[in-house]
Protein backbone atom coordinates (compact mmCIF):
# COMPACT_ATOMS: atom_id res chain seq x y z
CA MET A 1 -7.03 -4.18 -23.00
CA SER A 2 -6.39 -5.15 -19.39
CA LYS A 3 -8.30 -3.51 -16.56
CA SER A 4 -6.00 -2.25 -13.81
CA ALA A 5 -6.86 -1.12 -10.30
CA LEU A 6 -4.74 0.53 -7.64
CA LEU A 7 -5.93 -0.02 -4.07
CA LEU A 8 -4.59 2.59 -1.70
CA PHE A 9 -4.99 1.99 2.03
CA ILE A 10 -4.77 5.00 4.35
CA LYS A 11 -5.55 5.74 7.96
CA ASN A 12 -7.91 8.52 8.88
CA PRO A 13 -5.59 11.23 10.28
CA ILE A 14 -6.39 11.19 13.99
CA PRO A 15 -3.90 12.78 16.43
CA GLY A 16 -2.48 10.17 18.76
CA LYS A 17 -3.60 7.29 16.55
CA THR A 18 -1.63 8.03 13.38
CA LYS A 19 1.99 6.91 12.90
CA THR A 20 2.29 5.97 16.56
CA ARG A 21 5.82 4.56 16.27
CA LEU A 22 6.95 7.74 14.52
CA ALA A 23 5.17 9.77 17.20
CA GLY A 24 7.36 8.05 19.76
CA ASP A 25 10.29 9.87 18.14
CA VAL A 26 8.74 13.27 17.30
CA GLY A 27 5.46 13.59 19.22
CA ASP A 28 1.85 13.32 18.04
CA ASP A 29 1.54 16.73 16.38
CA ILE A 30 4.67 16.47 14.24
CA ALA A 31 3.88 12.83 13.39
CA LEU A 32 0.49 13.89 12.08
CA LYS A 33 2.08 16.61 9.92
CA MET A 34 4.56 14.06 8.59
CA TYR A 35 1.71 11.68 7.79
CA HIS A 36 -0.04 14.41 5.80
CA GLN A 37 3.17 14.94 3.81
CA LEU A 38 3.37 11.21 3.15
CA THR A 39 -0.23 11.01 1.97
CA ASP A 40 0.20 14.11 -0.19
CA TRP A 41 3.19 12.43 -1.86
CA THR A 42 1.36 9.14 -2.33
CA ARG A 43 -1.67 10.89 -3.82
CA GLU A 44 0.42 12.75 -6.39
CA GLN A 45 2.20 9.56 -7.44
CA ALA A 46 -1.11 7.69 -7.81
CA LEU A 47 -2.50 10.51 -9.92
CA GLY A 48 0.39 10.00 -12.34
CA LEU A 49 -1.02 6.62 -13.37
CA THR A 50 -2.98 6.35 -16.60
CA ASN A 51 -5.51 3.70 -17.63
CA THR A 52 -5.87 2.70 -13.99
CA ASN A 53 -8.80 3.09 -11.62
CA ARG A 54 -7.80 4.23 -8.14
CA TYR A 55 -9.58 3.03 -5.02
CA LEU A 56 -8.98 4.79 -1.71
CA TYR A 57 -9.70 2.66 1.36
CA TYR A 58 -10.08 4.57 4.63
CA SER A 59 -9.39 2.88 7.97
CA ASP A 60 -12.28 4.25 10.04
CA GLU A 61 -14.70 6.27 7.95
CA VAL A 62 -15.03 7.46 4.38
CA THR A 63 -14.36 11.18 4.15
CA THR A 64 -15.72 13.44 1.44
CA GLY A 65 -14.45 16.91 0.60
CA ASP A 66 -10.91 16.15 1.72
CA ALA A 67 -7.72 16.37 -0.36
CA TRP A 68 -8.63 13.13 -2.15
CA SER A 69 -10.90 14.16 -5.01
CA GLU A 70 -13.89 11.92 -5.64
CA GLN A 71 -13.24 12.48 -9.36
CA ASP A 72 -9.87 10.75 -9.08
CA PHE A 73 -10.42 8.22 -6.31
CA LEU A 74 -13.27 5.80 -5.70
CA LYS A 75 -13.69 5.80 -1.94
CA ARG A 76 -14.41 2.78 0.22
CA LEU A 77 -14.06 1.64 3.83
CA GLN A 78 -11.56 -1.04 4.78
CA HIS A 79 -13.03 -4.39 5.76
CA PRO A 80 -12.94 -5.24 9.49
CA GLY A 81 -10.17 -7.51 10.72
CA ASP A 82 -6.40 -7.64 10.66
CA LEU A 83 -4.30 -6.29 7.81
CA GLY A 84 -4.48 -9.55 5.90
CA GLU A 85 -8.26 -9.72 6.11
CA ARG A 86 -8.57 -6.11 4.98
CA MET A 87 -6.26 -6.58 2.00
CA LEU A 88 -7.87 -9.88 1.07
CA GLU A 89 -11.29 -8.26 0.88
CA GLY A 90 -9.94 -5.40 -1.24
CA PHE A 91 -8.43 -7.82 -3.74
CA ARG A 92 -11.53 -10.03 -3.73
CA ILE A 93 -13.82 -7.14 -4.61
CA ALA A 94 -11.48 -5.85 -7.31
CA PHE A 95 -11.32 -9.21 -9.06
CA GLU A 96 -15.08 -9.66 -8.72
CA ASP A 97 -15.42 -6.25 -10.38
CA GLY A 98 -13.56 -7.58 -13.40
CA TYR A 99 -10.04 -6.21 -12.93
CA ASP A 100 -7.21 -8.42 -14.12
CA LYS A 101 -4.32 -6.45 -12.60
CA VAL A 102 -4.65 -5.30 -9.00
CA VAL A 103 -1.94 -3.56 -6.96
CA ILE A 104 -2.18 -2.47 -3.33
CA ILE A 105 -0.04 0.05 -1.45
CA GLY A 106 -0.14 1.99 1.79
CA SER A 107 0.67 5.65 2.23
CA ASP A 108 3.95 5.74 4.14
CA CYS A 109 6.65 4.91 1.60
CA PRO A 110 8.30 7.85 -0.21
CA GLY A 111 10.13 5.38 -2.44
CA ILE A 112 6.89 4.47 -4.20
CA ASP A 113 6.59 6.90 -7.09
CA THR A 114 4.66 6.73 -10.35
CA ASP A 115 7.50 4.90 -12.10
CA TYR A 116 7.57 2.26 -9.36
CA LEU A 117 3.81 1.77 -9.69
CA ASN A 118 4.06 1.48 -13.47
CA GLU A 119 6.84 -1.07 -13.04
CA ALA A 120 4.58 -3.10 -10.77
CA PHE A 121 1.70 -3.16 -13.22
CA ALA A 122 4.08 -3.99 -16.09
CA ALA A 123 5.47 -6.93 -14.09
CA LEU A 124 1.97 -8.43 -14.05
CA ASN A 125 2.17 -8.85 -17.83
CA ASP A 126 4.53 -11.77 -17.27
CA HIS A 127 4.09 -12.77 -13.62
CA ASP A 128 1.18 -13.75 -11.42
CA VAL A 129 2.38 -11.78 -8.41
CA VAL A 130 4.53 -8.68 -7.97
CA ILE A 131 5.90 -7.63 -4.61
CA GLY A 132 7.84 -4.61 -3.42
CA PRO A 133 9.99 -5.81 -0.51
CA ALA A 134 10.38 -3.60 2.54
CA LEU A 135 13.74 -3.34 4.24
CA ASP A 136 12.17 -4.41 7.55
CA GLY A 137 11.09 -7.81 6.21
CA GLY A 138 7.59 -6.88 5.11
CA TYR A 139 6.46 -5.41 1.82
CA THR A 140 5.41 -1.96 0.62
CA LEU A 141 3.49 -3.12 -2.46
CA LEU A 142 1.67 -6.26 -3.54
CA GLY A 143 0.02 -6.97 -6.86
CA MET A 144 -1.53 -9.95 -8.57
CA ARG A 145 -3.32 -10.97 -11.74
CA LYS A 146 -4.80 -14.13 -10.23
CA PHE A 147 -6.71 -13.97 -6.98
CA THR A 148 -4.63 -15.87 -4.41
CA PRO A 149 -6.28 -15.80 -0.96
CA THR A 150 -3.58 -17.91 0.69
CA LEU A 151 -1.18 -14.95 0.54
CA PHE A 152 -3.13 -13.38 3.42
CA SER A 153 -3.91 -16.20 5.83
CA ASP A 154 -1.89 -17.06 8.94
CA ILE A 155 0.72 -14.34 8.37
CA ALA A 156 2.35 -12.71 11.40
CA TRP A 157 1.71 -9.14 10.26
CA SER A 158 4.10 -6.35 11.25
CA THR A 159 6.97 -8.78 11.71
CA ALA A 160 10.19 -9.44 9.82
CA GLU A 161 8.71 -12.72 8.50
CA VAL A 162 5.97 -11.23 6.33
CA LEU A 163 7.89 -11.15 3.05
CA THR A 164 9.38 -14.63 3.45
CA ALA A 165 6.01 -16.13 4.38
CA THR A 166 4.23 -14.41 1.51
CA LEU A 167 6.78 -15.58 -1.05
CA ALA A 168 6.47 -19.12 0.31
CA ARG A 169 2.70 -18.98 -0.04
CA ALA A 170 2.99 -17.74 -3.61
CA THR A 171 5.36 -20.59 -4.48
CA ALA A 172 3.08 -23.14 -2.85
CA ALA A 173 0.16 -21.80 -4.90
CA GLY A 174 2.16 -22.18 -8.11
CA ARG A 175 2.31 -18.44 -8.73
CA SER A 176 5.24 -16.79 -10.49
CA VAL A 177 6.62 -13.77 -8.64
CA GLU A 178 8.50 -10.62 -9.67
CA ARG A 179 10.33 -8.76 -6.92
CA LEU A 180 10.82 -5.01 -7.24
CA LYS A 181 13.54 -2.90 -5.67
CA PRO A 182 13.42 -3.04 -1.84
CA LEU A 183 12.24 0.15 -0.17
CA SER A 184 11.86 1.49 3.35
CA ASP A 185 8.58 2.44 4.98
CA VAL A 186 8.56 5.46 7.24
CA ASP A 187 7.95 4.00 10.68
CA TYR A 188 10.60 5.89 12.62
CA LEU A 189 12.37 9.24 12.37
CA ALA A 190 15.49 7.57 10.92
CA ASP A 191 13.37 6.26 8.02
CA TRP A 192 12.10 9.77 7.27
CA LEU A 193 15.57 11.30 7.44
CA GLY A 194 16.89 8.51 5.22
CA TYR A 195 14.77 9.87 2.38
CA GLY A 196 16.20 13.35 2.89
CA TRP A 197 12.84 14.95 3.59
CA PRO A 198 12.88 18.10 5.75
CA MET A 199 11.14 18.06 9.11
CA PRO A 200 7.76 19.84 9.21
CA GLU A 201 7.51 22.88 11.44
């Protein structure tokens, strides 16, 4: 039986430092409330997975006694460096720990539900890499069954070239890729409204 791991990257909820682009539209206080709604959603979807170990990676410090139960999530601190270096280290540790299917997500995409996560893990039965494209040119989900470090080096993170560059790296490494349905992250108010979620008070 395969060993599957979900790596979930979140930011510690700090006013003024969380969802800063969204805060430009709605202010720091509302942006923080929206981020809590996003993380609540993501947590519930992750809890719907079975036969999968869940790892929660905090951005600044590991928090105990919060809404993320230590019984359901193994808590770790993200590696220093840019996004690529942090994800690379998460994947490296997971494969060293003996997992053969590893999927990583963030916490700001309402389109990622339990079914989408299950689809990603299922894709790794037949493909080396699975990717959930983002509508802005990045990706909302990445998974692999073979550790492929080149997917994370020399990528211009937070640009519209991330997806294209990652797919090119996968091809160059001889990895087969399955692409899931494209989704939108919530970076701006229009993204939030596009999902039909009500505004927090």
